[in-house]
Full PDB file with SEQRES, HELIX, SHEET, SSBOND, CRYST1, ORIGX, SCALE, CONECT and MASTER records, all heavy atoms in Angstrom:
SEQRES   1 A   31  GLN ALA ARG ALA ILE ALA GLN VAL SER ARG ALA ARG GLY          
SEQRES   2 A   31  GLY ALA ARG TRP VAL ALA ASP GLU LEU ALA PRO GLU LEU          
SEQRES   3 A   31  ARG LEU SER ARG GLU                                          
HELIX    1 AA1 ALA A    2  ALA A   11  1                                  10    
HELIX    2 AA2 VAL A   18  LEU A   26  1                                   9    
CRYST1    1.000    1.000    1.000  90.00  90.00  90.00 P 1           1          
ORIGX1      1.000000  0.000000  0.000000        0.00000                         
ORIGX2      0.000000  1.000000  0.000000        0.00000                         
ORIGX3      0.000000  0.000000  1.000000        0.00000                         
SCALE1      1.000000  0.000000  0.000000        0.00000                         
SCALE2      0.000000  1.000000  0.000000        0.00000                         
SCALE3      0.000000  0.000000  1.000000        0.00000                         
ATOM      1  N   GLN A   1       0.884  -1.187   0.019  1.00  0.00           N  
ATOM      2  CA  GLN A   1      -0.050  -0.039   0.004  1.00  0.00           C  
ATOM      3  C   GLN A   1       0.855   1.254   0.000  1.00  0.00           C  
ATOM      4  O   GLN A   1       0.566   2.272  -0.716  1.00  0.00           O  
ATOM      5  CB  GLN A   1      -0.898   0.023   1.213  1.00  0.00           C  
ATOM      6  CG  GLN A   1      -1.925   1.174   1.244  1.00  0.00           C  
ATOM      7  CD  GLN A   1      -2.739   1.125   2.521  1.00  0.00           C  
ATOM      8  OE1 GLN A   1      -2.226   1.389   3.613  1.00  0.00           O  
ATOM      9  NE2 GLN A   1      -4.063   0.905   2.445  1.00  0.00           N  
ATOM     10  N   ALA A   2       1.974   1.311   0.709  1.00  0.00           N  
ATOM     11  CA  ALA A   2       2.822   2.454   0.792  1.00  0.00           C  
ATOM     12  C   ALA A   2       3.423   2.669  -0.541  1.00  0.00           C  
ATOM     13  O   ALA A   2       3.526   3.840  -0.995  1.00  0.00           O  
ATOM     14  CB  ALA A   2       3.874   2.139   1.816  1.00  0.00           C  
ATOM     15  N   ARG A   3       3.929   1.702  -1.254  1.00  0.00           N  
ATOM     16  CA  ARG A   3       4.424   1.855  -2.571  1.00  0.00           C  
ATOM     17  C   ARG A   3       3.347   2.399  -3.539  1.00  0.00           C  
ATOM     18  O   ARG A   3       3.605   3.318  -4.326  1.00  0.00           O  
ATOM     19  CB  ARG A   3       4.913   0.522  -3.075  1.00  0.00           C  
ATOM     20  CG  ARG A   3       6.228   0.094  -2.375  1.00  0.00           C  
ATOM     21  CD  ARG A   3       6.745  -1.219  -3.059  1.00  0.00           C  
ATOM     22  NE  ARG A   3       7.788  -1.868  -2.212  1.00  0.00           N  
ATOM     23  CZ  ARG A   3       8.976  -1.515  -2.311  1.00  0.00           C  
ATOM     24  NH1 ARG A   3       9.460  -0.585  -3.195  1.00  0.00           N  
ATOM     25  NH2 ARG A   3      10.017  -2.118  -1.598  1.00  0.00           N  
ATOM     26  N   ALA A   4       2.194   1.879  -3.387  1.00  0.00           N  
ATOM     27  CA  ALA A   4       1.087   2.354  -4.219  1.00  0.00           C  
ATOM     28  C   ALA A   4       0.772   3.831  -3.955  1.00  0.00           C  
ATOM     29  O   ALA A   4       0.565   4.664  -4.921  1.00  0.00           O  
ATOM     30  CB  ALA A   4      -0.143   1.543  -4.091  1.00  0.00           C  
ATOM     31  N   ILE A   5       0.709   4.231  -2.699  1.00  0.00           N  
ATOM     32  CA  ILE A   5       0.450   5.655  -2.369  1.00  0.00           C  
ATOM     33  C   ILE A   5       1.416   6.506  -2.956  1.00  0.00           C  
ATOM     34  O   ILE A   5       1.174   7.625  -3.434  1.00  0.00           O  
ATOM     35  CB  ILE A   5       0.352   5.781  -0.889  1.00  0.00           C  
ATOM     36  CG1 ILE A   5      -0.895   5.065  -0.320  1.00  0.00           C  
ATOM     37  CG2 ILE A   5       0.284   7.190  -0.404  1.00  0.00           C  
ATOM     38  CD1 ILE A   5      -1.064   4.990   1.211  1.00  0.00           C  
ATOM     39  N   ALA A   6       2.804   6.080  -2.820  1.00  0.00           N  
ATOM     40  CA  ALA A   6       3.859   6.942  -3.312  1.00  0.00           C  
ATOM     41  C   ALA A   6       3.717   7.051  -4.826  1.00  0.00           C  
ATOM     42  O   ALA A   6       4.038   8.076  -5.434  1.00  0.00           O  
ATOM     43  CB  ALA A   6       5.148   6.292  -3.013  1.00  0.00           C  
ATOM     44  N   GLN A   7       3.246   5.949  -5.539  1.00  0.00           N  
ATOM     45  CA  GLN A   7       3.139   5.988  -7.025  1.00  0.00           C  
ATOM     46  C   GLN A   7       2.078   6.954  -7.281  1.00  0.00           C  
ATOM     47  O   GLN A   7       2.128   7.700  -8.351  1.00  0.00           O  
ATOM     48  CB  GLN A   7       2.796   4.526  -7.574  1.00  0.00           C  
ATOM     49  CG  GLN A   7       2.474   4.538  -8.940  1.00  0.00           C  
ATOM     50  CD  GLN A   7       3.595   5.025  -9.897  1.00  0.00           C  
ATOM     51  OE1 GLN A   7       4.730   5.175  -9.447  1.00  0.00           O  
ATOM     52  NE2 GLN A   7       3.161   5.537 -11.046  1.00  0.00           N  
ATOM     53  N   VAL A   8       0.935   6.944  -6.597  1.00  0.00           N  
ATOM     54  CA  VAL A   8      -0.152   7.945  -6.881  1.00  0.00           C  
ATOM     55  C   VAL A   8       0.393   9.321  -6.832  1.00  0.00           C  
ATOM     56  O   VAL A   8       0.123  10.179  -7.677  1.00  0.00           O  
ATOM     57  CB  VAL A   8      -1.337   7.723  -5.951  1.00  0.00           C  
ATOM     58  CG1 VAL A   8      -2.346   8.807  -6.156  1.00  0.00           C  
ATOM     59  CG2 VAL A   8      -1.990   6.364  -6.217  1.00  0.00           C  
ATOM     60  N   SER A   9       1.112   9.615  -5.717  1.00  0.00           N  
ATOM     61  CA  SER A   9       1.636  10.929  -5.584  1.00  0.00           C  
ATOM     62  C   SER A   9       2.596  11.308  -6.655  1.00  0.00           C  
ATOM     63  O   SER A   9       2.541  12.445  -7.145  1.00  0.00           O  
ATOM     64  CB  SER A   9       2.436  11.027  -4.202  1.00  0.00           C  
ATOM     65  OG  SER A   9       2.970  12.309  -4.006  1.00  0.00           O  
ATOM     66  N   ARG A  10       3.479  10.395  -7.032  1.00  0.00           N  
ATOM     67  CA  ARG A  10       4.463  10.633  -8.167  1.00  0.00           C  
ATOM     68  C   ARG A  10       3.655  10.906  -9.475  1.00  0.00           C  
ATOM     69  O   ARG A  10       3.969  11.776 -10.191  1.00  0.00           O  
ATOM     70  CB  ARG A  10       5.418   9.455  -8.311  1.00  0.00           C  
ATOM     71  CG  ARG A  10       6.510   9.609  -9.325  1.00  0.00           C  
ATOM     72  CD  ARG A  10       7.568   8.568  -9.056  1.00  0.00           C  
ATOM     73  NE  ARG A  10       7.085   7.308  -9.000  1.00  0.00           N  
ATOM     74  CZ  ARG A  10       7.137   6.502  -7.835  1.00  0.00           C  
ATOM     75  NH1 ARG A  10       7.721   6.970  -6.841  1.00  0.00           N  
ATOM     76  NH2 ARG A  10       6.712   5.280  -7.812  1.00  0.00           N  
ATOM     77  N   ALA A  11       2.631  10.175  -9.765  1.00  0.00           N  
ATOM     78  CA  ALA A  11       1.881  10.279 -10.969  1.00  0.00           C  
ATOM     79  C   ALA A  11       1.076  11.625 -11.012  1.00  0.00           C  
ATOM     80  O   ALA A  11       0.903  12.225 -12.121  1.00  0.00           O  
ATOM     81  CB  ALA A  11       0.880   9.058 -11.074  1.00  0.00           C  
ATOM     82  N   ARG A  12       0.820  12.076  -9.827  1.00  0.00           N  
ATOM     83  CA  ARG A  12       0.135  13.339  -9.735  1.00  0.00           C  
ATOM     84  C   ARG A  12       1.086  14.562  -9.564  1.00  0.00           C  
ATOM     85  O   ARG A  12       0.574  15.706  -9.294  1.00  0.00           O  
ATOM     86  CB  ARG A  12      -0.916  13.354  -8.521  1.00  0.00           C  
ATOM     87  CG  ARG A  12      -1.992  12.370  -8.522  1.00  0.00           C  
ATOM     88  CD  ARG A  12      -2.893  12.530  -9.704  1.00  0.00           C  
ATOM     89  NE  ARG A  12      -4.080  11.719  -9.612  1.00  0.00           N  
ATOM     90  CZ  ARG A  12      -4.800  11.317 -10.607  1.00  0.00           C  
ATOM     91  NH1 ARG A  12      -4.389  11.550 -11.891  1.00  0.00           N  
ATOM     92  NH2 ARG A  12      -5.847  10.549 -10.445  1.00  0.00           N  
ATOM     93  N   GLY A  13       2.446  14.271  -9.835  1.00  0.00           N  
ATOM     94  CA  GLY A  13       3.315  15.362  -9.755  1.00  0.00           C  
ATOM     95  C   GLY A  13       3.414  15.907  -8.320  1.00  0.00           C  
ATOM     96  O   GLY A  13       3.927  17.037  -8.135  1.00  0.00           O  
ATOM     97  N   GLY A  14       3.134  15.091  -7.250  1.00  0.00           N  
ATOM     98  CA  GLY A  14       3.276  15.619  -5.854  1.00  0.00           C  
ATOM     99  C   GLY A  14       2.161  16.579  -5.519  1.00  0.00           C  
ATOM    100  O   GLY A  14       2.410  17.439  -4.573  1.00  0.00           O  
ATOM    101  N   ALA A  15       1.049  16.611  -6.275  1.00  0.00           N  
ATOM    102  CA  ALA A  15       0.000  17.583  -5.919  1.00  0.00           C  
ATOM    103  C   ALA A  15      -0.403  17.465  -4.552  1.00  0.00           C  
ATOM    104  O   ALA A  15      -0.615  16.377  -3.937  1.00  0.00           O  
ATOM    105  CB  ALA A  15      -1.104  17.372  -6.935  1.00  0.00           C  
ATOM    106  N   ARG A  16      -0.772  18.593  -3.863  1.00  0.00           N  
ATOM    107  CA  ARG A  16      -1.233  18.612  -2.424  1.00  0.00           C  
ATOM    108  C   ARG A  16      -2.538  17.852  -2.343  1.00  0.00           C  
ATOM    109  O   ARG A  16      -2.868  17.433  -1.265  1.00  0.00           O  
ATOM    110  CB  ARG A  16      -1.308  20.025  -1.917  1.00  0.00           C  
ATOM    111  CG  ARG A  16       0.099  20.767  -1.947  1.00  0.00           C  
ATOM    112  CD  ARG A  16      -0.101  22.167  -1.484  1.00  0.00           C  
ATOM    113  NE  ARG A  16      -0.623  22.197  -0.135  1.00  0.00           N  
ATOM    114  CZ  ARG A  16      -0.877  23.427   0.507  1.00  0.00           C  
ATOM    115  NH1 ARG A  16      -0.588  24.538  -0.066  1.00  0.00           N  
ATOM    116  NH2 ARG A  16      -1.290  23.393   1.799  1.00  0.00           N  
ATOM    117  N   TRP A  17      -3.372  17.726  -3.342  1.00  0.00           N  
ATOM    118  CA  TRP A  17      -4.688  17.264  -3.284  1.00  0.00           C  
ATOM    119  C   TRP A  17      -4.689  15.760  -3.357  1.00  0.00           C  
ATOM    120  O   TRP A  17      -5.789  15.164  -3.336  1.00  0.00           O  
ATOM    121  CB  TRP A  17      -5.654  17.898  -4.294  1.00  0.00           C  
ATOM    122  CG  TRP A  17      -5.090  17.912  -5.720  1.00  0.00           C  
ATOM    123  CD1 TRP A  17      -4.624  19.025  -6.344  1.00  0.00           C  
ATOM    124  CD2 TRP A  17      -5.128  16.850  -6.609  1.00  0.00           C  
ATOM    125  NE1 TRP A  17      -4.236  18.749  -7.555  1.00  0.00           N  
ATOM    126  CE2 TRP A  17      -4.539  17.402  -7.842  1.00  0.00           C  
ATOM    127  CE3 TRP A  17      -5.507  15.626  -6.650  1.00  0.00           C  
ATOM    128  CZ2 TRP A  17      -4.369  16.667  -8.979  1.00  0.00           C  
ATOM    129  CZ3 TRP A  17      -5.250  14.857  -7.860  1.00  0.00           C  
ATOM    130  CH2 TRP A  17      -4.754  15.394  -8.878  1.00  0.00           C  
ATOM    131  N   VAL A  18      -3.480  15.065  -3.463  1.00  0.00           N  
ATOM    132  CA  VAL A  18      -3.436  13.651  -3.500  1.00  0.00           C  
ATOM    133  C   VAL A  18      -4.117  13.076  -2.161  1.00  0.00           C  
ATOM    134  O   VAL A  18      -4.822  12.086  -2.271  1.00  0.00           O  
ATOM    135  CB  VAL A  18      -2.022  13.050  -3.590  1.00  0.00           C  
ATOM    136  CG1 VAL A  18      -1.882  11.635  -3.320  1.00  0.00           C  
ATOM    137  CG2 VAL A  18      -1.447  13.461  -4.925  1.00  0.00           C  
ATOM    138  N   ALA A  19      -4.001  13.743  -1.058  1.00  0.00           N  
ATOM    139  CA  ALA A  19      -4.660  13.282   0.185  1.00  0.00           C  
ATOM    140  C   ALA A  19      -6.121  13.296   0.061  1.00  0.00           C  
ATOM    141  O   ALA A  19      -6.851  12.473   0.561  1.00  0.00           O  
ATOM    142  CB  ALA A  19      -4.113  14.122   1.376  1.00  0.00           C  
ATOM    143  N   ASP A  20      -6.649  14.411  -0.592  1.00  0.00           N  
ATOM    144  CA  ASP A  20      -8.139  14.485  -0.837  1.00  0.00           C  
ATOM    145  C   ASP A  20      -8.579  13.303  -1.615  1.00  0.00           C  
ATOM    146  O   ASP A  20      -9.677  12.821  -1.387  1.00  0.00           O  
ATOM    147  CB  ASP A  20      -8.481  15.768  -1.484  1.00  0.00           C  
ATOM    148  CG  ASP A  20      -8.048  16.975  -0.529  1.00  0.00           C  
ATOM    149  OD1 ASP A  20      -8.838  17.248   0.348  1.00  0.00           O  
ATOM    150  OD2 ASP A  20      -7.116  17.601  -0.810  1.00  0.00           O  
ATOM    151  N   GLU A  21      -7.781  12.914  -2.655  1.00  0.00           N  
ATOM    152  CA  GLU A  21      -8.176  11.872  -3.521  1.00  0.00           C  
ATOM    153  C   GLU A  21      -8.144  10.407  -2.817  1.00  0.00           C  
ATOM    154  O   GLU A  21      -9.044   9.556  -3.109  1.00  0.00           O  
ATOM    155  CB  GLU A  21      -7.212  11.801  -4.752  1.00  0.00           C  
ATOM    156  CG  GLU A  21      -7.608  10.720  -5.730  1.00  0.00           C  
ATOM    157  CD  GLU A  21      -6.624  10.726  -6.959  1.00  0.00           C  
ATOM    158  OE1 GLU A  21      -5.577  11.365  -6.902  1.00  0.00           O  
ATOM    159  OE2 GLU A  21      -6.982  10.030  -7.970  1.00  0.00           O  
ATOM    160  N   LEU A  22      -7.173  10.285  -1.911  1.00  0.00           N  
ATOM    161  CA  LEU A  22      -6.982   8.929  -1.242  1.00  0.00           C  
ATOM    162  C   LEU A  22      -7.789   8.851  -0.023  1.00  0.00           C  
ATOM    163  O   LEU A  22      -8.094   7.730   0.443  1.00  0.00           O  
ATOM    164  CB  LEU A  22      -5.581   8.652  -0.976  1.00  0.00           C  
ATOM    165  CG  LEU A  22      -4.631   8.413  -2.244  1.00  0.00           C  
ATOM    166  CD1 LEU A  22      -3.213   8.273  -1.907  1.00  0.00           C  
ATOM    167  CD2 LEU A  22      -5.205   7.292  -3.112  1.00  0.00           C  
ATOM    168  N   ALA A  23      -8.143   9.958   0.615  1.00  0.00           N  
ATOM    169  CA  ALA A  23      -8.763   9.843   1.988  1.00  0.00           C  
ATOM    170  C   ALA A  23     -10.064   9.004   2.035  1.00  0.00           C  
ATOM    171  O   ALA A  23     -10.182   8.134   2.914  1.00  0.00           O  
ATOM    172  CB  ALA A  23      -9.014  11.308   2.608  1.00  0.00           C  
ATOM    173  N   PRO A  24     -11.012   9.155   1.035  1.00  0.00           N  
ATOM    174  CA  PRO A  24     -12.213   8.352   1.057  1.00  0.00           C  
ATOM    175  C   PRO A  24     -11.856   6.921   0.807  1.00  0.00           C  
ATOM    176  O   PRO A  24     -12.666   6.040   1.412  1.00  0.00           O  
ATOM    177  CB  PRO A  24     -13.052   8.904  -0.140  1.00  0.00           C  
ATOM    178  CG  PRO A  24     -12.413  10.276  -0.365  1.00  0.00           C  
ATOM    179  CD  PRO A  24     -10.936  10.172  -0.028  1.00  0.00           C  
ATOM    180  N   GLU A  25     -10.892   6.499   0.119  1.00  0.00           N  
ATOM    181  CA  GLU A  25     -10.554   5.099  -0.137  1.00  0.00           C  
ATOM    182  C   GLU A  25      -9.773   4.478   1.144  1.00  0.00           C  
ATOM    183  O   GLU A  25     -10.054   3.257   1.372  1.00  0.00           O  
ATOM    184  CB  GLU A  25      -9.644   4.943  -1.350  1.00  0.00           C  
ATOM    185  CG  GLU A  25     -10.314   5.516  -2.623  1.00  0.00           C  
ATOM    186  CD  GLU A  25     -11.609   4.823  -2.894  1.00  0.00           C  
ATOM    187  OE1 GLU A  25     -11.790   3.643  -2.491  1.00  0.00           O  
ATOM    188  OE2 GLU A  25     -12.468   5.480  -3.467  1.00  0.00           O  
ATOM    189  N   LEU A  26      -9.083   5.352   1.869  1.00  0.00           N  
ATOM    190  CA  LEU A  26      -8.382   4.827   2.907  1.00  0.00           C  
ATOM    191  C   LEU A  26      -9.241   4.869   4.224  1.00  0.00           C  
ATOM    192  O   LEU A  26      -8.868   4.336   5.320  1.00  0.00           O  
ATOM    193  CB  LEU A  26      -7.073   5.593   3.261  1.00  0.00           C  
ATOM    194  CG  LEU A  26      -5.971   5.379   2.330  1.00  0.00           C  
ATOM    195  CD1 LEU A  26      -4.844   6.433   2.543  1.00  0.00           C  
ATOM    196  CD2 LEU A  26      -5.398   4.026   2.350  1.00  0.00           C  
ATOM    197  N   ARG A  27     -10.453   5.533   4.123  1.00  0.00           N  
ATOM    198  CA  ARG A  27     -11.463   5.715   5.265  1.00  0.00           C  
ATOM    199  C   ARG A  27     -10.681   6.373   6.438  1.00  0.00           C  
ATOM    200  O   ARG A  27     -10.864   6.131   7.557  1.00  0.00           O  
ATOM    201  CB  ARG A  27     -11.874   4.345   5.810  1.00  0.00           C  
ATOM    202  CG  ARG A  27     -12.316   3.467   4.734  1.00  0.00           C  
ATOM    203  CD  ARG A  27     -13.651   3.928   4.025  1.00  0.00           C  
ATOM    204  NE  ARG A  27     -14.334   2.789   3.298  1.00  0.00           N  
ATOM    205  CZ  ARG A  27     -14.186   2.467   2.013  1.00  0.00           C  
ATOM    206  NH1 ARG A  27     -13.186   3.098   1.357  1.00  0.00           N  
ATOM    207  NH2 ARG A  27     -14.797   1.531   1.475  1.00  0.00           N  
ATOM    208  N   LEU A  28      -9.902   7.420   6.001  1.00  0.00           N  
ATOM    209  CA  LEU A  28      -9.134   8.250   7.000  1.00  0.00           C  
ATOM    210  C   LEU A  28      -9.522   9.734   6.702  1.00  0.00           C  
ATOM    211  O   LEU A  28      -9.930  10.108   5.675  1.00  0.00           O  
ATOM    212  CB  LEU A  28      -7.650   8.043   6.822  1.00  0.00           C  
ATOM    213  CG  LEU A  28      -7.140   6.622   7.092  1.00  0.00           C  
ATOM    214  CD1 LEU A  28      -5.653   6.545   6.796  1.00  0.00           C  
ATOM    215  CD2 LEU A  28      -7.322   6.276   8.559  1.00  0.00           C  
ATOM    216  N   SER A  29      -9.111  10.554   7.721  1.00  0.00           N  
ATOM    217  CA  SER A  29      -9.241  12.050   7.564  1.00  0.00           C  
ATOM    218  C   SER A  29      -8.238  12.566   6.537  1.00  0.00           C  
ATOM    219  O   SER A  29      -7.245  11.839   6.261  1.00  0.00           O  
ATOM    220  CB  SER A  29      -9.077  12.803   8.818  1.00  0.00           C  
ATOM    221  OG  SER A  29      -7.789  12.697   9.250  1.00  0.00           O  
ATOM    222  N   ARG A  30      -8.518  13.672   5.971  1.00  0.00           N  
ATOM    223  CA  ARG A  30      -7.612  14.195   5.040  1.00  0.00           C  
ATOM    224  C   ARG A  30      -6.254  14.455   5.689  1.00  0.00           C  
ATOM    225  O   ARG A  30      -5.204  14.152   5.057  1.00  0.00           O  
ATOM    226  CB  ARG A  30      -8.087  15.571   4.547  1.00  0.00           C  
ATOM    227  CG  ARG A  30      -7.265  16.155   3.381  1.00  0.00           C  
ATOM    228  CD  ARG A  30      -7.376  17.697   3.136  1.00  0.00           C  
ATOM    229  NE  ARG A  30      -6.339  18.118   2.163  1.00  0.00           N  
ATOM    230  CZ  ARG A  30      -5.110  18.425   2.541  1.00  0.00           C  
ATOM    231  NH1 ARG A  30      -4.649  18.246   3.774  1.00  0.00           N  
ATOM    232  NH2 ARG A  30      -4.287  18.779   1.570  1.00  0.00           N  
ATOM    233  N   GLU A  31      -6.250  14.965   6.931  1.00  0.00           N  
ATOM    234  CA  GLU A  31      -4.935  15.191   7.601  1.00  0.00           C  
ATOM    235  C   GLU A  31      -4.132  13.912   7.883  1.00  0.00           C  
ATOM    236  O   GLU A  31      -2.966  13.868   7.605  1.00  0.00           O  
ATOM    237  CB  GLU A  31      -5.191  15.909   9.002  1.00  0.00           C  
ATOM    238  CG  GLU A  31      -5.843  17.349   8.910  1.00  0.00           C  
ATOM    239  CD  GLU A  31      -7.240  17.399   8.418  1.00  0.00           C  
ATOM    240  OE1 GLU A  31      -7.915  16.266   8.495  1.00  0.00           O  
ATOM    241  OE2 GLU A  31      -7.708  18.392   8.003  1.00  0.00           O  
TER     242      GLU A  31                                                      
MASTER        0    0    0    2    0    0    0    6  241    1    0    3          
END                                                                             
């Protein structure tokens, strides 16, 4: 999962909104 999260961030160019994209899937808060 950590490698996949890092890949999403890399594919999004390190955009700050990556957390907003993944939070619903991880069932976690944005922070």
